[in-house]
C-alpha atoms as a PDB file:
ATOM      1  CA  MET A   1     -19.201  12.962 -15.518  1.00  0.00           C
ATOM      2  CA  ALA A   2     -18.136  12.361 -19.093  1.00  0.00           C
ATOM      3  CA  GLN A   3     -16.558  15.264 -20.921  1.00  0.00           C
ATOM      4  CA  ARG A   4     -16.707  16.183 -24.555  1.00  0.00           C
ATOM      5  CA  PHE A   5     -13.740  14.958 -26.589  1.00  0.00           C
ATOM      6  CA  GLY A   6     -11.878  17.948 -27.918  1.00  0.00           C
ATOM      7  CA  GLY A   7      -8.917  20.196 -27.436  1.00  0.00           C
ATOM      8  CA  LYS A   8      -6.118  21.620 -29.488  1.00  0.00           C
ATOM      9  CA  TYR A   9      -6.492  18.904 -32.127  1.00  0.00           C
ATOM     10  CA  SER A  10     -10.158  19.649 -32.817  1.00  0.00           C
ATOM     11  CA  PRO A  11     -11.693  22.382 -34.977  1.00  0.00           C
ATOM     12  CA  ASP A  12     -13.973  24.849 -33.234  1.00  0.00           C
ATOM     13  CA  PRO A  13     -17.139  22.879 -32.323  1.00  0.00           C
ATOM     14  CA  HIS A  14     -19.188  26.075 -32.356  1.00  0.00           C
ATOM     15  CA  ALA A  15     -18.291  26.920 -35.926  1.00  0.00           C
ATOM     16  CA  THR A  16     -21.135  26.719 -38.427  1.00  0.00           C
ATOM     17  CA  PRO A  17     -19.513  25.679 -41.688  1.00  0.00           C
ATOM     18  CA  GLU A  18     -21.390  24.692 -44.798  1.00  0.00           C
ATOM     19  CA  THR A  19     -21.758  20.948 -44.546  1.00  0.00           C
ATOM     20  CA  GLY A  20     -23.736  20.101 -47.650  1.00  0.00           C
ATOM     21  CA  PRO A  21     -22.762  17.073 -49.669  1.00  0.00           C
ATOM     22  CA  ILE A  22     -19.509  17.082 -51.583  1.00  0.00           C
ATOM     23  CA  PRO A  23     -20.056  16.703 -55.351  1.00  0.00           C
ATOM     24  CA  ALA A  24     -20.579  13.068 -56.297  1.00  0.00           C
ATOM     25  CA  HIS A  25     -17.570  12.987 -58.619  1.00  0.00           C
ATOM     26  CA  ARG A  26     -15.372  13.567 -55.568  1.00  0.00           C
ATOM     27  CA  ARG A  27     -16.535  10.254 -54.159  1.00  0.00           C
ATOM     28  CA  PRO A  28     -15.808   7.554 -56.719  1.00  0.00           C
ATOM     29  CA  VAL A  29     -16.611   3.936 -56.048  1.00  0.00           C
ATOM     30  CA  ALA A  30     -14.326   2.456 -53.442  1.00  0.00           C
ATOM     31  CA  ARG A  31     -12.669  -0.244 -55.540  1.00  0.00           C
ATOM     32  CA  HIS A  32     -11.781  -1.296 -59.051  1.00  0.00           C
ATOM     33  CA  PRO A  33     -14.733  -3.180 -60.604  1.00  0.00           C
ATOM     34  CA  GLU A  34     -12.409  -6.031 -61.654  1.00  0.00           C
ATOM     35  CA  GLU A  35     -10.502  -6.271 -58.377  1.00  0.00           C
ATOM     36  CA  SER A  36     -12.085  -9.597 -57.392  1.00  0.00           C
ATOM     37  CA  ARG A  37     -11.312 -11.350 -60.681  1.00  0.00           C
ATOM     38  CA  PRO A  38      -7.722 -12.395 -59.820  1.00  0.00           C
ATOM     39  CA  PHE A  39      -9.176 -14.527 -57.024  1.00  0.00           C
ATOM     40  CA  TRP A  40     -10.603 -16.859 -59.643  1.00  0.00           C
ATOM     41  CA  ILE A  41      -7.135 -17.256 -61.150  1.00  0.00           C
ATOM     42  CA  THR A  42      -5.877 -18.569 -57.815  1.00  0.00           C
ATOM     43  CA  LEU A  43      -8.894 -20.839 -57.490  1.00  0.00           C
ATOM     44  CA  ALA A  44      -8.301 -22.230 -60.978  1.00  0.00           C
ATOM     45  CA  ALA A  45      -4.738 -23.158 -59.950  1.00  0.00           C
ATOM     46  CA  VAL A  46      -5.901 -25.384 -57.072  1.00  0.00           C
ATOM     47  CA  PRO A  47      -5.741 -28.537 -59.271  1.00  0.00           C
ATOM     48  CA  PHE A  48      -1.962 -28.088 -59.301  1.00  0.00           C
ATOM     49  CA  LEU A  49      -2.022 -28.609 -55.529  1.00  0.00           C
ATOM     50  CA  LEU A  50      -4.356 -31.576 -55.742  1.00  0.00           C
ATOM     51  CA  GLY A  51      -2.060 -33.276 -58.237  1.00  0.00           C
ATOM     52  CA  ALA A  52       1.135 -32.460 -56.372  1.00  0.00           C
ATOM     53  CA  PHE A  53       1.222 -35.614 -54.277  1.00  0.00           C
ATOM     54  CA  GLY A  54       1.851 -39.203 -55.226  1.00  0.00           C
ATOM     55  CA  GLU A  55       3.891 -38.480 -58.358  1.00  0.00           C
ATOM     56  CA  GLY A  56       7.352 -38.187 -56.845  1.00  0.00           C
ATOM     57  CA  PRO A  57       9.430 -35.255 -55.559  1.00  0.00           C
ATOM     58  CA  PHE A  58       9.987 -33.617 -58.953  1.00  0.00           C
ATOM     59  CA  ALA A  59       6.265 -33.493 -59.698  1.00  0.00           C
ATOM     60  CA  LEU A  60       5.625 -32.171 -56.189  1.00  0.00           C
ATOM     61  CA  ILE A  61       8.106 -29.311 -56.597  1.00  0.00           C
ATOM     62  CA  ARG A  62       6.797 -28.502 -60.067  1.00  0.00           C
ATOM     63  CA  ALA A  63       3.161 -28.424 -58.959  1.00  0.00           C
ATOM     64  CA  LEU A  64       3.857 -26.326 -55.866  1.00  0.00           C
ATOM     65  CA  ALA A  65       5.989 -23.896 -57.885  1.00  0.00           C
ATOM     66  CA  ALA A  66       3.247 -23.560 -60.499  1.00  0.00           C
ATOM     67  CA  PHE A  67       0.621 -22.839 -57.852  1.00  0.00           C
ATOM     68  CA  ALA A  68       2.881 -20.361 -56.034  1.00  0.00           C
ATOM     69  CA  LEU A  69       3.643 -18.476 -59.258  1.00  0.00           C
ATOM     70  CA  ILE A  70      -0.016 -18.278 -60.262  1.00  0.00           C
ATOM     71  CA  ALA A  71      -1.186 -17.261 -56.781  1.00  0.00           C
ATOM     72  CA  GLY A  72       1.553 -14.626 -56.623  1.00  0.00           C
ATOM     73  CA  ALA A  73       0.574 -13.422 -60.077  1.00  0.00           C
ATOM     74  CA  ALA A  74      -3.059 -13.058 -59.010  1.00  0.00           C
ATOM     75  CA  TRP A  75      -2.052 -11.009 -55.959  1.00  0.00           C
ATOM     76  CA  THR A  76       0.258  -8.806 -58.052  1.00  0.00           C
ATOM     77  CA  ILE A  77      -2.429  -8.208 -60.681  1.00  0.00           C
ATOM     78  CA  ARG A  78      -4.930  -7.280 -57.977  1.00  0.00           C
ATOM     79  CA  GLU A  79      -2.502  -4.735 -56.542  1.00  0.00           C
ATOM     80  CA  GLY A  80      -1.988  -3.423 -60.070  1.00  0.00           C
ATOM     81  CA  LEU A  81      -5.743  -2.964 -60.466  1.00  0.00           C
ATOM     82  CA  ARG A  82      -5.840  -1.019 -57.206  1.00  0.00           C
ATOM     83  CA  ALA A  83      -2.963   1.196 -58.323  1.00  0.00           C
ATOM     84  CA  GLU A  84      -4.662   1.763 -61.673  1.00  0.00           C
ATOM     85  CA  PHE A  85      -7.911   2.664 -59.922  1.00  0.00           C
ATOM     86  CA  ALA A  86      -6.137   5.275 -57.804  1.00  0.00           C
ATOM     87  CA  TYR A  87      -4.464   6.631 -60.959  1.00  0.00           C
ATOM     88  CA  VAL A  88      -7.731   6.899 -62.911  1.00  0.00           C
ATOM     89  CA  ALA A  89      -9.610   8.488 -60.009  1.00  0.00           C
ATOM     90  CA  ARG A  90      -7.291  11.507 -59.964  1.00  0.00           C
ATOM     91  CA  SER A  91      -7.022  14.219 -62.570  1.00  0.00           C
ATOM     92  CA  ALA A  92      -3.269  14.491 -61.950  1.00  0.00           C
ATOM     93  CA  ALA A  93      -1.245  11.419 -61.056  1.00  0.00           C
ATOM     94  CA  ARG A  94       2.123   9.794 -61.518  1.00  0.00           C
ATOM     95  CA  ARG A  95       2.276   6.448 -63.245  1.00  0.00           C
ATOM     96  CA  PRO A  96       2.639   3.523 -60.847  1.00  0.00           C
ATOM     97  CA  ALA A  97       6.318   3.031 -60.048  1.00  0.00           C
ATOM     98  CA  PHE A  98       5.972  -0.749 -60.362  1.00  0.00           C
ATOM     99  CA  PRO A  99       4.093  -2.202 -63.414  1.00  0.00           C
ATOM    100  CA  ARG A 100       2.236  -4.791 -61.351  1.00  0.00           C
ATOM    101  CA  LYS A 101      -0.255  -5.959 -63.963  1.00  0.00           C
ATOM    102  CA  ILE A 102       2.436  -6.565 -66.562  1.00  0.00           C
ATOM    103  CA  LEU A 103       4.724  -8.420 -64.165  1.00  0.00           C
ATOM    104  CA  GLY A 104       1.769 -10.331 -62.735  1.00  0.00           C
ATOM    105  CA  SER A 105       0.795 -11.461 -66.229  1.00  0.00           C
ATOM    106  CA  ILE A 106       4.360 -12.639 -66.878  1.00  0.00           C
ATOM    107  CA  ALA A 107       4.353 -14.554 -63.577  1.00  0.00           C
ATOM    108  CA  PHE A 108       1.015 -16.103 -64.559  1.00  0.00           C
ATOM    109  CA  GLY A 109       2.504 -17.287 -67.846  1.00  0.00           C
ATOM    110  CA  LEU A 110       5.534 -18.720 -66.046  1.00  0.00           C
ATOM    111  CA  GLY A 111       3.261 -20.563 -63.648  1.00  0.00           C
ATOM    112  CA  LEU A 112       1.348 -22.127 -66.514  1.00  0.00           C
ATOM    113  CA  ALA A 113       4.584 -23.057 -68.280  1.00  0.00           C
ATOM    114  CA  VAL A 114       5.982 -24.727 -65.156  1.00  0.00           C
ATOM    115  CA  GLY A 115       2.745 -26.561 -64.480  1.00  0.00           C
ATOM    116  CA  ALA A 116       2.395 -27.709 -68.084  1.00  0.00           C
ATOM    117  CA  GLN A 117       5.768 -29.448 -68.272  1.00  0.00           C
ATOM    118  CA  ALA A 118       5.137 -33.041 -69.231  1.00  0.00           C
ATOM    119  CA  PRO A 119       6.693 -35.484 -71.751  1.00  0.00           C
ATOM    120  CA  GLU A 120       3.671 -35.300 -74.032  1.00  0.00           C
ATOM    121  CA  VAL A 121       3.774 -31.489 -74.076  1.00  0.00           C
ATOM    122  CA  GLY A 122       7.493 -30.912 -74.395  1.00  0.00           C
ATOM    123  CA  LEU A 123       9.509 -27.786 -73.724  1.00  0.00           C
ATOM    124  CA  ILE A 124       8.202 -25.930 -76.779  1.00  0.00           C
ATOM    125  CA  GLY A 125       4.628 -26.729 -75.819  1.00  0.00           C
ATOM    126  CA  SER A 126       5.182 -25.484 -72.257  1.00  0.00           C
ATOM    127  CA  ILE A 127       6.673 -22.224 -73.520  1.00  0.00           C
ATOM    128  CA  ALA A 128       3.752 -21.775 -75.914  1.00  0.00           C
ATOM    129  CA  ILE A 129       1.234 -22.348 -73.119  1.00  0.00           C
ATOM    130  CA  GLY A 130       3.044 -19.847 -70.889  1.00  0.00           C
ATOM    131  CA  ALA A 131       3.192 -17.217 -73.629  1.00  0.00           C
ATOM    132  CA  LEU A 132      -0.485 -17.703 -74.388  1.00  0.00           C
ATOM    133  CA  GLY A 133      -1.330 -17.342 -70.698  1.00  0.00           C
ATOM    134  CA  THR A 134       0.623 -14.080 -70.496  1.00  0.00           C
ATOM    135  CA  VAL A 135      -1.171 -12.675 -73.539  1.00  0.00           C
ATOM    136  CA  ILE A 136      -4.594 -13.714 -72.232  1.00  0.00           C
ATOM    137  CA  SER A 137      -3.873 -12.083 -68.865  1.00  0.00           C
ATOM    138  CA  LEU A 138      -2.765  -8.836 -70.504  1.00  0.00           C
ATOM    139  CA  VAL A 139      -5.876  -8.828 -72.689  1.00  0.00           C
ATOM    140  CA  ALA A 140      -8.107  -9.514 -69.678  1.00  0.00           C
ATOM    141  CA  PHE A 141      -6.581  -6.995 -67.285  1.00  0.00           C
ATOM    142  CA  GLY A 142      -4.783  -4.561 -69.565  1.00  0.00           C
ATOM    143  CA  PHE A 143      -1.478  -2.789 -69.126  1.00  0.00           C
ATOM    144  CA  ASP A 144      -0.471  -0.585 -66.231  1.00  0.00           C
ATOM    145  CA  PRO A 145      -0.584   3.182 -66.812  1.00  0.00           C
ATOM    146  CA  LEU A 146       2.799   3.953 -68.356  1.00  0.00           C
ATOM    147  CA  LYS A 147       2.730   7.763 -68.366  1.00  0.00           C
ATOM    148  CA  ASN A 148       2.161  10.509 -65.852  1.00  0.00           C
ATOM    149  CA  LYS A 149      -1.217  12.207 -66.180  1.00  0.00           C
ATOM    150  CA  GLY A 150      -1.928  15.914 -65.790  1.00  0.00           C
ATOM    151  CA  MET A 151       1.514  16.591 -64.315  1.00  0.00           C
ATOM    152  CA  ASP A 152       2.523  19.408 -66.677  1.00  0.00           C
ATOM    153  CA  GLY A 153       3.466  22.433 -64.615  1.00  0.00           C
ATOM    154  CA  VAL A 154       3.132  20.528 -61.334  1.00  0.00           C
ATOM    155  CA  ASP A 155       5.966  21.001 -58.855  1.00  0.00           C
ATOM    156  CA  ALA A 156       7.360  17.487 -58.340  1.00  0.00           C
ATOM    157  CA  PHE A 157       8.705  18.373 -54.892  1.00  0.00           C
ATOM    158  CA  GLN A 158       5.341  19.745 -53.787  1.00  0.00           C
ATOM    159  CA  GLN A 159       3.593  16.672 -55.179  1.00  0.00           C
ATOM    160  CA  GLU A 160       5.889  14.423 -53.151  1.00  0.00           C
ATOM    161  CA  ARG A 161       5.121  16.460 -50.034  1.00  0.00           C
ATOM    162  CA  VAL A 162       1.412  15.982 -50.656  1.00  0.00           C
ATOM    163  CA  GLU A 163       1.844  12.230 -51.049  1.00  0.00           C
ATOM    164  CA  ARG A 164       3.753  12.034 -47.765  1.00  0.00           C
ATOM    165  CA  VAL A 165       1.042  13.971 -45.942  1.00  0.00           C
ATOM    166  CA  VAL A 166      -1.706  11.855 -47.516  1.00  0.00           C
ATOM    167  CA  LYS A 167       0.140   8.704 -46.456  1.00  0.00           C
ATOM    168  CA  GLU A 168       0.332  10.050 -42.907  1.00  0.00           C
ATOM    169  CA  GLY A 169      -3.366  10.893 -42.964  1.00  0.00           C
ATOM    170  CA  GLU A 170      -4.263   7.439 -44.274  1.00  0.00           C
ATOM    171  CA  ALA A 171      -2.275   5.907 -41.420  1.00  0.00           C
ATOM    172  CA  TYR A 172      -4.355   7.872 -38.902  1.00  0.00           C
ATOM    173  CA  LEU A 173      -7.577   6.746 -40.585  1.00  0.00           C
ATOM    174  CA  ALA A 174      -6.406   3.128 -40.554  1.00  0.00           C
ATOM    175  CA  SER A 175      -5.649   3.414 -36.835  1.00  0.00           C
ATOM    176  CA  MET A 176      -9.157   4.755 -36.230  1.00  0.00           C
ATOM    177  CA  ARG A 177     -10.647   1.794 -38.096  1.00  0.00           C
ATOM    178  CA  SER A 178      -8.516  -0.667 -36.170  1.00  0.00           C
ATOM    179  CA  ALA A 179      -9.414   0.914 -32.835  1.00  0.00           C
ATOM    180  CA  ILE A 180     -13.171   0.987 -33.365  1.00  0.00           C
ATOM    181  CA  ALA A 181     -13.567  -2.377 -35.138  1.00  0.00           C
ATOM    182  CA  PRO A 182     -13.238  -4.572 -31.983  1.00  0.00           C
ATOM    183  CA  SER A 183     -16.254  -2.799 -30.461  1.00  0.00           C
ATOM    184  CA  GLY A 184     -18.492  -4.758 -32.806  1.00  0.00           C
ATOM    185  CA  GLU A 185     -20.868  -1.786 -32.922  1.00  0.00           C
ATOM    186  CA  ARG A 186     -22.003  -1.489 -36.532  1.00  0.00           C
ATOM    187  CA  ALA A 187     -23.281   2.068 -36.020  1.00  0.00           C
ATOM    188  CA  LEU A 188     -19.936   3.236 -34.639  1.00  0.00           C
ATOM    189  CA  ILE A 189     -17.970   1.479 -37.367  1.00  0.00           C
ATOM    190  CA  GLU A 190     -20.164   3.053 -40.052  1.00  0.00           C
ATOM    191  CA  ARG A 191     -19.872   6.461 -38.360  1.00  0.00           C
ATOM    192  CA  VAL A 192     -16.086   6.287 -38.505  1.00  0.00           C
ATOM    193  CA  ALA A 193     -16.321   5.158 -42.139  1.00  0.00           C
ATOM    194  CA  ARG A 194     -18.414   8.235 -43.020  1.00  0.00           C
ATOM    195  CA  PHE A 195     -15.792  10.463 -41.456  1.00  0.00           C
ATOM    196  CA  GLU A 196     -13.113   8.645 -43.461  1.00  0.00           C
ATOM    197  CA  THR A 197     -15.029   9.488 -46.629  1.00  0.00           C
ATOM    198  CA  SER A 198     -15.004  13.188 -45.764  1.00  0.00           C
ATOM    199  CA  ALA A 199     -11.286  13.055 -44.984  1.00  0.00           C
ATOM    200  CA  ARG A 200     -10.528  11.367 -48.305  1.00  0.00           C
ATOM    201  CA  ASP A 201     -12.563  13.989 -50.156  1.00  0.00           C
ATOM    202  CA  LEU A 202     -10.103  16.518 -48.744  1.00  0.00           C
ATOM    203  CA  PHE A 203      -7.150  14.304 -49.662  1.00  0.00           C
ATOM    204  CA  ARG A 204      -8.279  14.098 -53.288  1.00  0.00           C
ATOM    205  CA  VAL A 205      -8.705  17.852 -53.655  1.00  0.00           C
ATOM    206  CA  VAL A 206      -5.188  18.449 -52.307  1.00  0.00           C
ATOM    207  CA  GLN A 207      -3.740  15.719 -54.541  1.00  0.00           C
ATOM    208  CA  GLU A 208      -5.285  17.386 -57.577  1.00  0.00           C
ATOM    209  CA  ASP A 209      -4.029  20.828 -56.551  1.00  0.00           C
ATOM    210  CA  PRO A 210      -0.888  20.532 -54.388  1.00  0.00           C
ATOM    211  CA  GLY A 211      -1.014  24.280 -53.809  1.00  0.00           C
ATOM    212  CA  ASP A 212      -3.849  23.649 -51.344  1.00  0.00           C
ATOM    213  CA  LEU A 213      -1.541  21.731 -49.016  1.00  0.00           C
ATOM    214  CA  ALA A 214      -0.664  24.811 -46.972  1.00  0.00           C
ATOM    215  CA  THR A 215      -4.294  25.386 -45.979  1.00  0.00           C
ATOM    216  CA  ALA A 216      -5.233  21.717 -45.581  1.00  0.00           C
ATOM    217  CA  ARG A 217      -2.168  20.274 -43.872  1.00  0.00           C
ATOM    218  CA  ARG A 218      -3.480  20.882 -40.344  1.00  0.00           C
ATOM    219  CA  TYR A 219      -6.622  18.956 -41.204  1.00  0.00           C
ATOM    220  CA  MET A 220      -4.687  16.077 -42.747  1.00  0.00           C
ATOM    221  CA  THR A 221      -2.257  15.684 -39.866  1.00  0.00           C
ATOM    222  CA  VAL A 222      -3.028  17.500 -36.599  1.00  0.00           C
ATOM    223  CA  TYR A 223      -6.807  17.067 -36.644  1.00  0.00           C
ATOM    224  CA  LEU A 224      -6.591  13.475 -37.851  1.00  0.00           C
ATOM    225  CA  GLU A 225      -4.014  12.697 -35.191  1.00  0.00           C
ATOM    226  CA  GLY A 226      -6.412  14.098 -32.606  1.00  0.00           C
ATOM    227  CA  ALA A 227      -9.273  12.074 -34.068  1.00  0.00           C
ATOM    228  CA  ARG A 228      -7.109   8.958 -33.902  1.00  0.00           C
ATOM    229  CA  ASP A 229      -6.186   9.600 -30.260  1.00  0.00           C
ATOM    230  CA  ALA A 230      -9.812  10.290 -29.308  1.00  0.00           C
ATOM    231  CA  THR A 231     -10.946   7.119 -31.079  1.00  0.00           C
ATOM    232  CA  VAL A 232      -8.390   4.970 -29.270  1.00  0.00           C
ATOM    233  CA  LYS A 233      -9.343   6.447 -25.889  1.00  0.00           C
ATOM    234  CA  PHE A 234     -13.056   6.111 -26.568  1.00  0.00           C
ATOM    235  CA  ALA A 235     -12.688   2.516 -27.767  1.00  0.00           C
ATOM    236  CA  ASP A 236     -10.851   1.583 -24.560  1.00  0.00           C
ATOM    237  CA  LEU A 237     -13.477   3.328 -22.422  1.00  0.00           C
ATOM    238  CA  TRP A 238     -16.396   1.821 -24.329  1.00  0.00           C
ATOM    239  CA  ARG A 239     -14.972  -1.680 -24.053  1.00  0.00           C
ATOM    240  CA  THR A 240     -14.850  -1.497 -20.249  1.00  0.00           C
ATOM    241  CA  THR A 241     -17.750   0.799 -19.283  1.00  0.00           C
ATOM    242  CA  ARG A 242     -20.242   1.104 -22.179  1.00  0.00           C
ATOM    243  CA  ASP A 243     -20.566   4.759 -21.158  1.00  0.00           C
ATOM    244  CA  ALA A 244     -23.474   6.122 -23.229  1.00  0.00           C
ATOM    245  CA  GLN A 245     -22.526   9.754 -22.600  1.00  0.00           C
ATOM    246  CA  ALA A 246     -18.973   9.115 -23.772  1.00  0.00           C
ATOM    247  CA  ARG A 247     -20.382   7.597 -26.953  1.00  0.00           C
ATOM    248  CA  THR A 248     -22.600  10.634 -27.509  1.00  0.00           C
ATOM    249  CA  ASP A 249     -19.636  12.958 -27.009  1.00  0.00           C
ATOM    250  CA  TYR A 250     -17.439  10.903 -29.344  1.00  0.00           C
ATOM    251  CA  GLU A 251     -20.045  10.886 -32.100  1.00  0.00           C
ATOM    252  CA  ALA A 252     -20.474  14.646 -31.632  1.00  0.00           C
ATOM    253  CA  LEU A 253     -16.719  15.067 -32.077  1.00  0.00           C
ATOM    254  CA  LEU A 254     -16.843  13.117 -35.337  1.00  0.00           C
ATOM    255  CA  SER A 255     -19.729  15.299 -36.499  1.00  0.00           C
ATOM    256  CA  ASP A 256     -17.748  18.458 -35.691  1.00  0.00           C
ATOM    257  CA  LEU A 257     -14.706  17.136 -37.521  1.00  0.00           C
ATOM    258  CA  GLU A 258     -16.733  15.973 -40.514  1.00  0.00           C
ATOM    259  CA  ALA A 259     -18.478  19.346 -40.791  1.00  0.00           C
ATOM    260  CA  ASN A 260     -15.176  21.202 -40.741  1.00  0.00           C
ATOM    261  CA  PHE A 261     -13.512  18.826 -43.204  1.00  0.00           C
ATOM    262  CA  ASN A 262     -16.450  19.201 -45.601  1.00  0.00           C
ATOM    263  CA  ALA A 263     -16.352  22.980 -45.236  1.00  0.00           C
ATOM    264  CA  ARG A 264     -12.614  23.107 -45.970  1.00  0.00           C
ATOM    265  CA  THR A 265     -13.043  20.843 -48.997  1.00  0.00           C
ATOM    266  CA  LYS A 266     -15.861  22.968 -50.413  1.00  0.00           C
ATOM    267  CA  LYS A 267     -13.870  26.141 -49.779  1.00  0.00           C
ATOM    268  CA  MET A 268     -10.910  24.779 -51.745  1.00  0.00           C
ATOM    269  CA  LEU A 269     -13.209  23.740 -54.595  1.00  0.00           C
ATOM    270  CA  GLU A 270     -14.752  27.213 -54.633  1.00  0.00           C
ATOM    271  CA  ASP A 271     -11.301  28.815 -54.638  1.00  0.00           C
ATOM    272  CA  GLY A 272     -10.433  26.695 -57.652  1.00  0.00           C
ATOM    273  CA  ARG A 273     -13.562  27.940 -59.426  1.00  0.00           C
ATOM    274  CA  ASP A 274     -12.715  31.547 -58.530  1.00  0.00           C
ATOM    275  CA  GLY A 275      -9.267  31.068 -60.053  1.00  0.00           C
ATOM    276  CA  LEU A 276     -10.849  29.733 -63.241  1.00  0.00           C
ATOM    277  CA  ASP A 277     -13.224  32.704 -63.416  1.00  0.00           C
ATOM    278  CA  VAL A 278     -10.293  35.110 -63.086  1.00  0.00           C
ATOM    279  CA  GLU A 279      -8.382  33.349 -65.876  1.00  0.00           C
ATOM    280  CA  ILE A 280     -11.461  33.492 -68.123  1.00  0.00           C
ATOM    281  CA  GLU A 281     -11.999  37.201 -67.471  1.00  0.00           C
ATOM    282  CA  VAL A 282      -8.340  38.006 -68.136  1.00  0.00           C
ATOM    283  CA  LEU A 283      -8.463  36.117 -71.428  1.00  0.00           C
ATOM    284  CA  ARG A 284     -11.749  37.791 -72.430  1.00  0.00           C
ATOM    285  CA  ASP A 285     -10.268  41.228 -71.748  1.00  0.00           C
ATOM    286  CA  ARG A 286      -7.208  40.423 -73.828  1.00  0.00           C
ATOM    287  CA  LEU A 287      -9.331  39.184 -76.725  1.00  0.00           C
ATOM    288  CA  ALA A 288     -11.447  42.334 -76.518  1.00  0.00           C
ATOM    289  CA  ARG A 289      -8.363  44.580 -76.570  1.00  0.00           C
ATOM    290  CA  GLU A 290      -7.145  42.791 -79.681  1.00  0.00           C
ATOM    291  CA  GLY A 291     -10.495  43.307 -81.378  1.00  0.00           C
ATOM    292  CA  LEU A 292     -11.501  39.646 -81.428  1.00  0.00           C
ATOM    293  CA  ALA A 293     -15.107  38.670 -80.923  1.00  0.00           C
ATOM    294  CA  THR A 294     -16.095  36.773 -77.802  1.00  0.00           C
ATOM    295  CA  ALA A 295     -19.304  34.939 -77.040  1.00  0.00           C
ATOM    296  CA  PRO A 296     -21.616  36.658 -74.542  1.00  0.00           C
ATOM    297  CA  LYS A 297     -21.282  35.433 -70.970  1.00  0.00           C
ATOM    298  CA  GLN A 298     -23.940  32.962 -69.865  1.00  0.00           C
ATOM    299  CA  GLY A 299     -26.213  33.877 -66.964  1.00  0.00           C
END
């Protein structure tokens, strides 16, 4: 008889946490709206490949180098857009360590310059084309974030600890996706994806307030490790037996985990609001003691 997935890695399944929806602003869109645009840059460079043959070895090398530079530039710019998206989505974030969009734009210009070399263009013309391409790319995609945001007063060591834990948690989520994907069951894949969303809600709250790491670390590591292990075991069992009861138990485990993750996220958000209320009251009292007028409290 199939048994419910659970154990030391799972929150109490009998708990009754608040599981209402997390505020919408905690769930931004999943990708940068311009993330697909660099693909068209690569596609536009295909003529370099088509013209690479039949013109001698020098033309072949030049055309292949131009295509490689432009394709590499497109990939680098796309990664820069992803890094920028992650930066914008958080209220406190470090600037990307590697200015991908800027370097990608430079590589794009170099690719155009290499591909444009021809007697009728000349060296100066090739350089001008490359410079123009770099400028157009920077105008189209913008610069990378060059400054930290909201990091005043943030403990750098604690922030690094949070990033390490988030990276570990993301690895567990990726393993869950990889384990369940071969099943081909759309409902199961979507169920795991919904749990991922709840886990990332928790990640974002901790990233914005590293002080919450102490209370959330078990969720981000131990519970996610357990969820990963249960997913791998279930996927193996489902592939060989199609055990309906095992599927029911696995989905119930995900529901338990999701409910507890949502409850922990909401609790941390409420604690943040309580801290704000305390700061406001302290400031109001100080203003009152100094004889300064304050607006009446709302509600």
